[in-house]
Amino acid sequence: MREVINISLPSPTVKTIKKAVKDGNYISTSEFFRDLLRSWQESQLLIELDKSREEIKAGKGKILKSLKALK
């Protein structure tokens, strides 16, 4: 199910997005924001992964031998 979200942006930002769509970098404004969201989610995942690695290095993490150990 899709939902509509309305946002307010400064004119220069809107022009930048419209230019990216017009230049063919994105199919639509929605696709621009979906790509932006995917990039943000990936960066959040990498941050969490780095935190986990640091915990393991500090001896605070737990290395699982199988997926069953998650339960």
Protein backbone atom coordinates (compact mmCIF):
# COMPACT_ATOMS: atom_id res chain seq x y z
CA MET A 1 0.00 0.00 0.00
CA ARG A 2 1.31 3.44 -0.86
CA GLU A 3 0.73 6.64 1.03
CA VAL A 4 1.18 10.23 -0.03
CA ILE A 5 3.47 12.47 2.00
CA ASN A 6 3.55 16.19 1.35
CA ILE A 7 6.71 18.14 2.14
CA SER A 8 7.66 21.76 1.87
CA LEU A 9 11.03 22.58 0.30
CA PRO A 10 12.86 25.78 -0.57
CA SER A 11 12.61 26.81 -4.23
CA PRO A 12 16.30 26.15 -5.01
CA THR A 13 15.93 22.60 -3.73
CA VAL A 14 12.81 22.02 -5.84
CA LYS A 15 14.66 23.34 -8.90
CA THR A 16 17.53 20.94 -8.23
CA ILE A 17 15.15 17.97 -7.97
CA LYS A 18 13.20 18.97 -11.09
CA LYS A 19 16.47 19.35 -13.02
CA ALA A 20 17.60 15.88 -11.92
CA VAL A 21 14.32 14.45 -13.20
CA LYS A 22 14.42 16.48 -16.42
CA ASP A 23 18.02 15.42 -17.08
CA GLY A 24 16.92 11.79 -16.90
CA ASN A 25 18.63 10.90 -13.64
CA TYR A 26 15.26 9.91 -12.17
CA ILE A 27 11.94 8.90 -13.70
CA SER A 28 9.97 11.09 -11.31
CA THR A 29 10.20 13.24 -8.21
CA SER A 30 8.92 10.28 -6.21
CA GLU A 31 11.74 8.12 -7.54
CA PHE A 32 14.23 10.82 -6.50
CA PHE A 33 12.98 10.63 -2.92
CA ARG A 34 12.78 6.82 -2.93
CA ASP A 35 16.44 6.72 -4.02
CA LEU A 36 17.33 9.25 -1.35
CA LEU A 37 15.56 7.14 1.28
CA ARG A 38 17.32 3.95 0.11
CA SER A 39 20.69 5.72 0.38
CA TRP A 40 19.85 6.95 3.87
CA GLN A 41 18.77 3.45 4.94
CA GLU A 42 22.01 1.99 3.59
CA SER A 43 24.06 4.54 5.52
CA GLN A 44 22.14 3.76 8.71
CA LEU A 45 22.81 0.06 8.20
CA LEU A 46 26.53 0.74 7.73
CA ILE A 47 26.60 2.80 10.92
CA GLU A 48 24.99 -0.07 12.84
CA LEU A 49 27.41 -2.54 11.28
CA ASP A 50 30.38 -0.40 12.33
CA LYS A 51 28.98 -0.19 15.87
CA SER A 52 28.64 -3.97 15.97
CA ARG A 53 32.20 -4.42 14.76
CA GLU A 54 33.46 -2.07 17.47
CA GLU A 55 31.50 -4.00 20.10
CA ILE A 56 33.05 -7.24 18.91
CA LYS A 57 36.54 -5.71 18.98
CA ALA A 58 35.90 -4.48 22.53
CA GLY A 59 34.78 -7.94 23.58
CA LYS A 60 31.19 -6.81 24.16
CA GLY A 61 29.65 -8.48 21.13
CA LYS A 62 28.57 -12.04 20.66
CA ILE A 63 29.61 -14.03 17.63
CA LEU A 64 26.83 -16.36 16.57
CA LYS A 65 27.68 -19.79 15.23
CA SER A 66 24.31 -20.16 13.51
CA LEU A 67 21.07 -18.32 12.87
CA LYS A 68 19.42 -20.51 15.50
CA ALA A 69 21.50 -18.65 18.12
CA LEU A 70 19.43 -15.51 17.39
CA LYS A 71 16.44 -17.00 19.22
